[in-house]
Amino acid sequence: MHYDPRSEHHGLPHNPFYALVVPRPIGWITTVTREGIVNLAPYSFFNAVSTTPPFVMFSSGPRKDSQRNAEETGEFVFNLATYDLRAEMNATSARMPADVSEPEMIGLEMAPSVLVAPPRVKRSPVTLECRYRQTVNLTTAEGAGLENAIVIGEVVQVHIDDAVITDGRVDLGKIRPIARLGYMDFTVVDNIFEMKRPD
């Protein structure tokens, strides 16, 4: 099959695009409102975009609490979602009013960050404290504005649980990160192999 996603329907019961770019890392993003209410939400359009210095991004569409809070306060935290935290991650995807704290609502323990106000998920083995840098509003090829935007942050503090470091390397087999597939499907990283680049 082939189709133009801008103007043609795919003819399937569910949009296949979500199952085509996979697996997608989950950006489990903590922010705080101006009033100090903690917000925690997962974004499956998330990734690292630079290493020196490190930057990460998450994409929101339409504009949600995480984007608004990051823009207004200038900070957010990425928490790595793991298989052991899958239920909590999923619970924080529920639509809640902006004045409701997802971690508080589901009883998820948070820990203070070092350089930013949003706290981190205490049980997450990897967290990245970020300073908001910019929002890129997406447009079509014809220049029409969209509700979707990319929120970019610079990583200013890295937390790694010492228990997941083996022989000087982050041991993803111990962490078992989860990632988003298409539809309501997820996967877990538990089958790892190494390939060296050719010289």
C-alpha atoms as a PDB file:
ATOM      1  CA  MET A   1       0.000   0.000   0.000  1.00  0.00           C
ATOM      2  CA  HIS A   2       0.994   3.621  -0.360  1.00  0.00           C
ATOM      3  CA  TYR A   3      -0.789   6.877   0.331  1.00  0.00           C
ATOM      4  CA  ASP A   4      -0.182  10.590   0.878  1.00  0.00           C
ATOM      5  CA  PRO A   5      -0.859  11.125   4.601  1.00  0.00           C
ATOM      6  CA  ARG A   6      -1.668  14.794   3.956  1.00  0.00           C
ATOM      7  CA  SER A   7      -4.584  14.166   1.621  1.00  0.00           C
ATOM      8  CA  GLU A   8      -5.406  10.457   1.340  1.00  0.00           C
ATOM      9  CA  HIS A   9      -6.889   8.053   3.871  1.00  0.00           C
ATOM     10  CA  HIS A  10      -4.871   4.913   4.536  1.00  0.00           C
ATOM     11  CA  GLY A  11      -7.979   2.727   4.446  1.00  0.00           C
ATOM     12  CA  LEU A  12      -7.076   0.862   7.635  1.00  0.00           C
ATOM     13  CA  PRO A  13      -9.065   0.834  10.885  1.00  0.00           C
ATOM     14  CA  HIS A  14      -6.196   2.578  12.739  1.00  0.00           C
ATOM     15  CA  ASN A  15      -3.570   5.084  11.617  1.00  0.00           C
ATOM     16  CA  PRO A  16      -0.497   3.005  10.657  1.00  0.00           C
ATOM     17  CA  PHE A  17       1.947   5.909  11.015  1.00  0.00           C
ATOM     18  CA  TYR A  18       2.199   5.359  14.765  1.00  0.00           C
ATOM     19  CA  ALA A  19       3.570   1.860  14.076  1.00  0.00           C
ATOM     20  CA  LEU A  20       6.149   2.895  11.477  1.00  0.00           C
ATOM     21  CA  VAL A  21       8.767   4.836  13.460  1.00  0.00           C
ATOM     22  CA  VAL A  22       9.430   2.409  16.289  1.00  0.00           C
ATOM     23  CA  PRO A  23      10.408   1.797  18.965  1.00  0.00           C
ATOM     24  CA  ARG A  24      10.065   5.339  20.291  1.00  0.00           C
ATOM     25  CA  PRO A  25      11.650   6.325  23.625  1.00  0.00           C
ATOM     26  CA  ILE A  26       9.174   7.587  26.186  1.00  0.00           C
ATOM     27  CA  GLY A  27       9.866  11.015  27.597  1.00  0.00           C
ATOM     28  CA  TRP A  28       8.319  10.866  31.069  1.00  0.00           C
ATOM     29  CA  ILE A  29       8.385  14.597  31.737  1.00  0.00           C
ATOM     30  CA  THR A  30       8.121  16.357  35.090  1.00  0.00           C
ATOM     31  CA  THR A  31       7.262  20.052  35.206  1.00  0.00           C
ATOM     32  CA  VAL A  32       5.816  22.407  37.779  1.00  0.00           C
ATOM     33  CA  THR A  33       3.244  25.141  37.375  1.00  0.00           C
ATOM     34  CA  ARG A  34       3.958  28.718  38.428  1.00  0.00           C
ATOM     35  CA  GLU A  35       2.034  27.860  41.588  1.00  0.00           C
ATOM     36  CA  GLY A  36       4.302  24.877  42.283  1.00  0.00           C
ATOM     37  CA  ILE A  37       1.951  22.021  41.332  1.00  0.00           C
ATOM     38  CA  VAL A  38       3.914  19.022  40.026  1.00  0.00           C
ATOM     39  CA  ASN A  39       2.886  17.675  36.607  1.00  0.00           C
ATOM     40  CA  LEU A  40       4.100  14.326  35.263  1.00  0.00           C
ATOM     41  CA  ALA A  41       3.210  13.044  31.787  1.00  0.00           C
ATOM     42  CA  PRO A  42       4.644  10.598  29.217  1.00  0.00           C
ATOM     43  CA  TYR A  43       5.445  11.621  25.629  1.00  0.00           C
ATOM     44  CA  SER A  44       6.238   9.007  23.000  1.00  0.00           C
ATOM     45  CA  PHE A  45       7.583  11.664  20.649  1.00  0.00           C
ATOM     46  CA  PHE A  46      10.822  12.180  22.573  1.00  0.00           C
ATOM     47  CA  ASN A  47      14.539  11.832  21.925  1.00  0.00           C
ATOM     48  CA  ALA A  48      18.067  13.095  22.506  1.00  0.00           C
ATOM     49  CA  VAL A  49      19.152  15.549  19.823  1.00  0.00           C
ATOM     50  CA  SER A  50      22.718  16.460  20.829  1.00  0.00           C
ATOM     51  CA  THR A  51      25.501  15.151  23.041  1.00  0.00           C
ATOM     52  CA  THR A  52      27.990  18.018  23.515  1.00  0.00           C
ATOM     53  CA  PRO A  53      26.308  19.642  25.304  1.00  0.00           C
ATOM     54  CA  PRO A  54      23.396  17.233  25.673  1.00  0.00           C
ATOM     55  CA  PHE A  55      19.939  18.377  24.551  1.00  0.00           C
ATOM     56  CA  VAL A  56      16.646  16.478  24.547  1.00  0.00           C
ATOM     57  CA  MET A  57      13.275  17.237  23.026  1.00  0.00           C
ATOM     58  CA  PHE A  58       9.662  16.200  23.408  1.00  0.00           C
ATOM     59  CA  SER A  59       6.822  16.961  21.058  1.00  0.00           C
ATOM     60  CA  SER A  60       3.402  18.074  22.185  1.00  0.00           C
ATOM     61  CA  GLY A  61       0.288  18.485  20.142  1.00  0.00           C
ATOM     62  CA  PRO A  62      -1.892  20.199  20.986  1.00  0.00           C
ATOM     63  CA  ARG A  63      -0.161  22.363  23.608  1.00  0.00           C
ATOM     64  CA  LYS A  64      -0.406  20.535  26.926  1.00  0.00           C
ATOM     65  CA  ASP A  65       0.534  21.205  30.542  1.00  0.00           C
ATOM     66  CA  SER A  66       4.137  19.981  30.159  1.00  0.00           C
ATOM     67  CA  GLN A  67       4.852  22.354  27.284  1.00  0.00           C
ATOM     68  CA  ARG A  68       3.175  25.307  28.944  1.00  0.00           C
ATOM     69  CA  ASN A  69       4.931  24.701  32.275  1.00  0.00           C
ATOM     70  CA  ALA A  70       8.353  24.272  30.636  1.00  0.00           C
ATOM     71  CA  GLU A  71       7.907  27.493  28.682  1.00  0.00           C
ATOM     72  CA  GLU A  72       6.612  29.468  31.678  1.00  0.00           C
ATOM     73  CA  THR A  73       9.114  28.229  34.286  1.00  0.00           C
ATOM     74  CA  GLY A  74      12.084  27.397  32.051  1.00  0.00           C
ATOM     75  CA  GLU A  75      12.653  23.887  33.428  1.00  0.00           C
ATOM     76  CA  PHE A  76      11.661  20.243  33.062  1.00  0.00           C
ATOM     77  CA  VAL A  77      12.961  16.794  34.025  1.00  0.00           C
ATOM     78  CA  PHE A  78      13.128  13.609  31.945  1.00  0.00           C
ATOM     79  CA  ASN A  79      12.548  10.381  33.878  1.00  0.00           C
ATOM     80  CA  LEU A  80      13.400   7.074  32.205  1.00  0.00           C
ATOM     81  CA  ALA A  81      10.327   4.831  32.068  1.00  0.00           C
ATOM     82  CA  THR A  82      11.156   1.215  32.866  1.00  0.00           C
ATOM     83  CA  TYR A  83       9.264  -2.064  32.816  1.00  0.00           C
ATOM     84  CA  ASP A  84       8.975  -1.939  36.612  1.00  0.00           C
ATOM     85  CA  LEU A  85       7.400   1.526  36.348  1.00  0.00           C
ATOM     86  CA  ARG A  86       5.114   0.767  33.403  1.00  0.00           C
ATOM     87  CA  ALA A  87       1.865   0.934  35.399  1.00  0.00           C
ATOM     88  CA  GLU A  88       2.799   4.255  36.992  1.00  0.00           C
ATOM     89  CA  MET A  89       3.868   5.700  33.637  1.00  0.00           C
ATOM     90  CA  ASN A  90       0.593   4.639  32.080  1.00  0.00           C
ATOM     91  CA  ALA A  91      -1.433   6.043  34.982  1.00  0.00           C
ATOM     92  CA  THR A  92       0.140   9.481  34.481  1.00  0.00           C
ATOM     93  CA  SER A  93      -1.059   9.529  30.865  1.00  0.00           C
ATOM     94  CA  ALA A  94      -4.635  10.107  32.046  1.00  0.00           C
ATOM     95  CA  ARG A  95      -6.115  13.516  31.240  1.00  0.00           C
ATOM     96  CA  MET A  96      -6.196  15.511  34.450  1.00  0.00           C
ATOM     97  CA  PRO A  97      -6.825  19.189  35.150  1.00  0.00           C
ATOM     98  CA  ALA A  98      -3.729  21.401  35.305  1.00  0.00           C
ATOM     99  CA  ASP A  99      -4.227  21.923  39.043  1.00  0.00           C
ATOM    100  CA  VAL A 100      -4.036  18.187  39.788  1.00  0.00           C
ATOM    101  CA  SER A 101      -0.638  16.610  40.497  1.00  0.00           C
ATOM    102  CA  GLU A 102      -0.352  13.230  38.771  1.00  0.00           C
ATOM    103  CA  PRO A 103       2.342  11.852  41.122  1.00  0.00           C
ATOM    104  CA  GLU A 104       0.279  12.831  44.137  1.00  0.00           C
ATOM    105  CA  MET A 105      -2.888  11.410  42.609  1.00  0.00           C
ATOM    106  CA  ILE A 106      -1.337   7.958  42.012  1.00  0.00           C
ATOM    107  CA  GLY A 107       0.919   7.948  45.092  1.00  0.00           C
ATOM    108  CA  LEU A 108       4.212   8.018  43.185  1.00  0.00           C
ATOM    109  CA  GLU A 109       7.173   9.096  45.311  1.00  0.00           C
ATOM    110  CA  MET A 110       9.229  11.957  43.913  1.00  0.00           C
ATOM    111  CA  ALA A 111      12.715  13.171  44.868  1.00  0.00           C
ATOM    112  CA  PRO A 112      14.128  16.703  44.737  1.00  0.00           C
ATOM    113  CA  SER A 113      16.260  17.710  41.789  1.00  0.00           C
ATOM    114  CA  VAL A 114      19.626  19.435  42.186  1.00  0.00           C
ATOM    115  CA  LEU A 115      19.449  22.423  39.828  1.00  0.00           C
ATOM    116  CA  VAL A 116      15.817  22.702  38.759  1.00  0.00           C
ATOM    117  CA  ALA A 117      12.499  22.992  40.592  1.00  0.00           C
ATOM    118  CA  PRO A 118      10.619  20.036  39.030  1.00  0.00           C
ATOM    119  CA  PRO A 119      11.253  16.895  41.081  1.00  0.00           C
ATOM    120  CA  ARG A 120      12.284  13.560  39.609  1.00  0.00           C
ATOM    121  CA  VAL A 121      10.640  10.149  39.887  1.00  0.00           C
ATOM    122  CA  LYS A 122      12.509   8.589  42.793  1.00  0.00           C
ATOM    123  CA  ARG A 123      12.401   5.017  41.420  1.00  0.00           C
ATOM    124  CA  SER A 124      13.507   5.956  37.923  1.00  0.00           C
ATOM    125  CA  PRO A 125      17.137   4.810  37.497  1.00  0.00           C
ATOM    126  CA  VAL A 126      17.994   7.645  35.097  1.00  0.00           C
ATOM    127  CA  THR A 127      16.786  11.241  35.192  1.00  0.00           C
ATOM    128  CA  LEU A 128      17.902  14.336  33.317  1.00  0.00           C
ATOM    129  CA  GLU A 129      17.371  17.824  34.700  1.00  0.00           C
ATOM    130  CA  CYS A 130      16.785  20.243  31.831  1.00  0.00           C
ATOM    131  CA  ARG A 131      16.628  23.968  31.246  1.00  0.00           C
ATOM    132  CA  TYR A 132      14.102  24.924  28.597  1.00  0.00           C
ATOM    133  CA  ARG A 133      15.755  26.475  25.538  1.00  0.00           C
ATOM    134  CA  GLN A 134      13.149  26.892  22.810  1.00  0.00           C
ATOM    135  CA  THR A 135       9.917  25.745  21.225  1.00  0.00           C
ATOM    136  CA  VAL A 136       9.807  24.969  17.515  1.00  0.00           C
ATOM    137  CA  ASN A 137       6.276  25.358  16.161  1.00  0.00           C
ATOM    138  CA  LEU A 138       5.685  22.998  13.242  1.00  0.00           C
ATOM    139  CA  THR A 139       4.212  24.117   9.935  1.00  0.00           C
ATOM    140  CA  THR A 140       3.168  22.287   6.782  1.00  0.00           C
ATOM    141  CA  ALA A 141       5.091  22.533   3.500  1.00  0.00           C
ATOM    142  CA  GLU A 142       2.621  25.257   2.517  1.00  0.00           C
ATOM    143  CA  GLY A 143       3.400  27.239   5.672  1.00  0.00           C
ATOM    144  CA  ALA A 144       0.170  26.521   7.533  1.00  0.00           C
ATOM    145  CA  GLY A 145       0.550  26.541  11.297  1.00  0.00           C
ATOM    146  CA  LEU A 146      -0.098  23.374  13.298  1.00  0.00           C
ATOM    147  CA  GLU A 147      -0.914  22.632  16.923  1.00  0.00           C
ATOM    148  CA  ASN A 148       2.206  20.456  17.193  1.00  0.00           C
ATOM    149  CA  ALA A 149       5.448  21.824  18.630  1.00  0.00           C
ATOM    150  CA  ILE A 150       8.877  20.548  19.628  1.00  0.00           C
ATOM    151  CA  VAL A 151      10.071  21.563  23.095  1.00  0.00           C
ATOM    152  CA  ILE A 152      13.867  21.557  23.461  1.00  0.00           C
ATOM    153  CA  GLY A 153      15.831  21.536  26.698  1.00  0.00           C
ATOM    154  CA  GLU A 154      19.514  21.517  27.626  1.00  0.00           C
ATOM    155  CA  VAL A 155      20.531  18.822  30.108  1.00  0.00           C
ATOM    156  CA  VAL A 156      22.161  20.470  33.124  1.00  0.00           C
ATOM    157  CA  GLN A 157      22.259  17.542  35.574  1.00  0.00           C
ATOM    158  CA  VAL A 158      22.346  13.767  35.046  1.00  0.00           C
ATOM    159  CA  HIS A 159      21.270  11.229  37.670  1.00  0.00           C
ATOM    160  CA  ILE A 160      22.193   7.545  37.258  1.00  0.00           C
ATOM    161  CA  ASP A 161      21.468   4.973  39.946  1.00  0.00           C
ATOM    162  CA  ASP A 162      24.829   3.370  40.819  1.00  0.00           C
ATOM    163  CA  ALA A 163      23.069  -0.005  40.933  1.00  0.00           C
ATOM    164  CA  VAL A 164      22.616   0.007  37.147  1.00  0.00           C
ATOM    165  CA  ILE A 165      26.289   0.642  36.341  1.00  0.00           C
ATOM    166  CA  THR A 166      28.247  -2.523  35.488  1.00  0.00           C
ATOM    167  CA  ASP A 167      31.967  -2.401  34.649  1.00  0.00           C
ATOM    168  CA  GLY A 168      31.792   1.322  34.021  1.00  0.00           C
ATOM    169  CA  ARG A 169      28.836   1.138  31.632  1.00  0.00           C
ATOM    170  CA  VAL A 170      25.126   1.823  32.057  1.00  0.00           C
ATOM    171  CA  ASP A 171      23.585  -1.654  32.088  1.00  0.00           C
ATOM    172  CA  LEU A 172      20.357  -1.465  30.073  1.00  0.00           C
ATOM    173  CA  GLY A 173      19.681  -5.100  30.863  1.00  0.00           C
ATOM    174  CA  LYS A 174      19.254  -4.111  34.505  1.00  0.00           C
ATOM    175  CA  ILE A 175      17.214  -1.010  33.672  1.00  0.00           C
ATOM    176  CA  ARG A 176      14.829  -2.600  31.122  1.00  0.00           C
ATOM    177  CA  PRO A 177      13.574   0.650  29.547  1.00  0.00           C
ATOM    178  CA  ILE A 178      10.223   0.547  27.815  1.00  0.00           C
ATOM    179  CA  ALA A 179       9.377   2.142  24.482  1.00  0.00           C
ATOM    180  CA  ARG A 180       6.242   2.894  22.507  1.00  0.00           C
ATOM    181  CA  LEU A 181       5.229   0.906  19.463  1.00  0.00           C
ATOM    182  CA  GLY A 182       2.100   1.508  17.408  1.00  0.00           C
ATOM    183  CA  TYR A 183      -1.448   1.564  18.705  1.00  0.00           C
ATOM    184  CA  MET A 184      -1.498   0.606  22.431  1.00  0.00           C
ATOM    185  CA  ASP A 185       1.600  -1.582  22.098  1.00  0.00           C
ATOM    186  CA  PHE A 186       4.857  -1.179  24.018  1.00  0.00           C
ATOM    187  CA  THR A 187       8.136  -3.075  24.139  1.00  0.00           C
ATOM    188  CA  VAL A 188      10.863  -3.577  26.720  1.00  0.00           C
ATOM    189  CA  VAL A 189      14.620  -3.556  26.115  1.00  0.00           C
ATOM    190  CA  ASP A 190      15.699  -7.004  27.268  1.00  0.00           C
ATOM    191  CA  ASN A 191      17.441  -8.419  24.187  1.00  0.00           C
ATOM    192  CA  ILE A 192      20.697  -6.540  23.587  1.00  0.00           C
ATOM    193  CA  PHE A 193      23.413  -7.246  21.031  1.00  0.00           C
ATOM    194  CA  GLU A 194      26.565  -5.380  20.051  1.00  0.00           C
ATOM    195  CA  MET A 195      27.766  -4.427  16.578  1.00  0.00           C
ATOM    196  CA  LYS A 196      30.995  -2.526  16.115  1.00  0.00           C
ATOM    197  CA  ARG A 197      31.238   0.064  13.382  1.00  0.00           C
ATOM    198  CA  PRO A 198      33.595  -0.712  10.514  1.00  0.00           C
ATOM    199  CA  ASP A 199      36.923   1.154  10.640  1.00  0.00           C
END
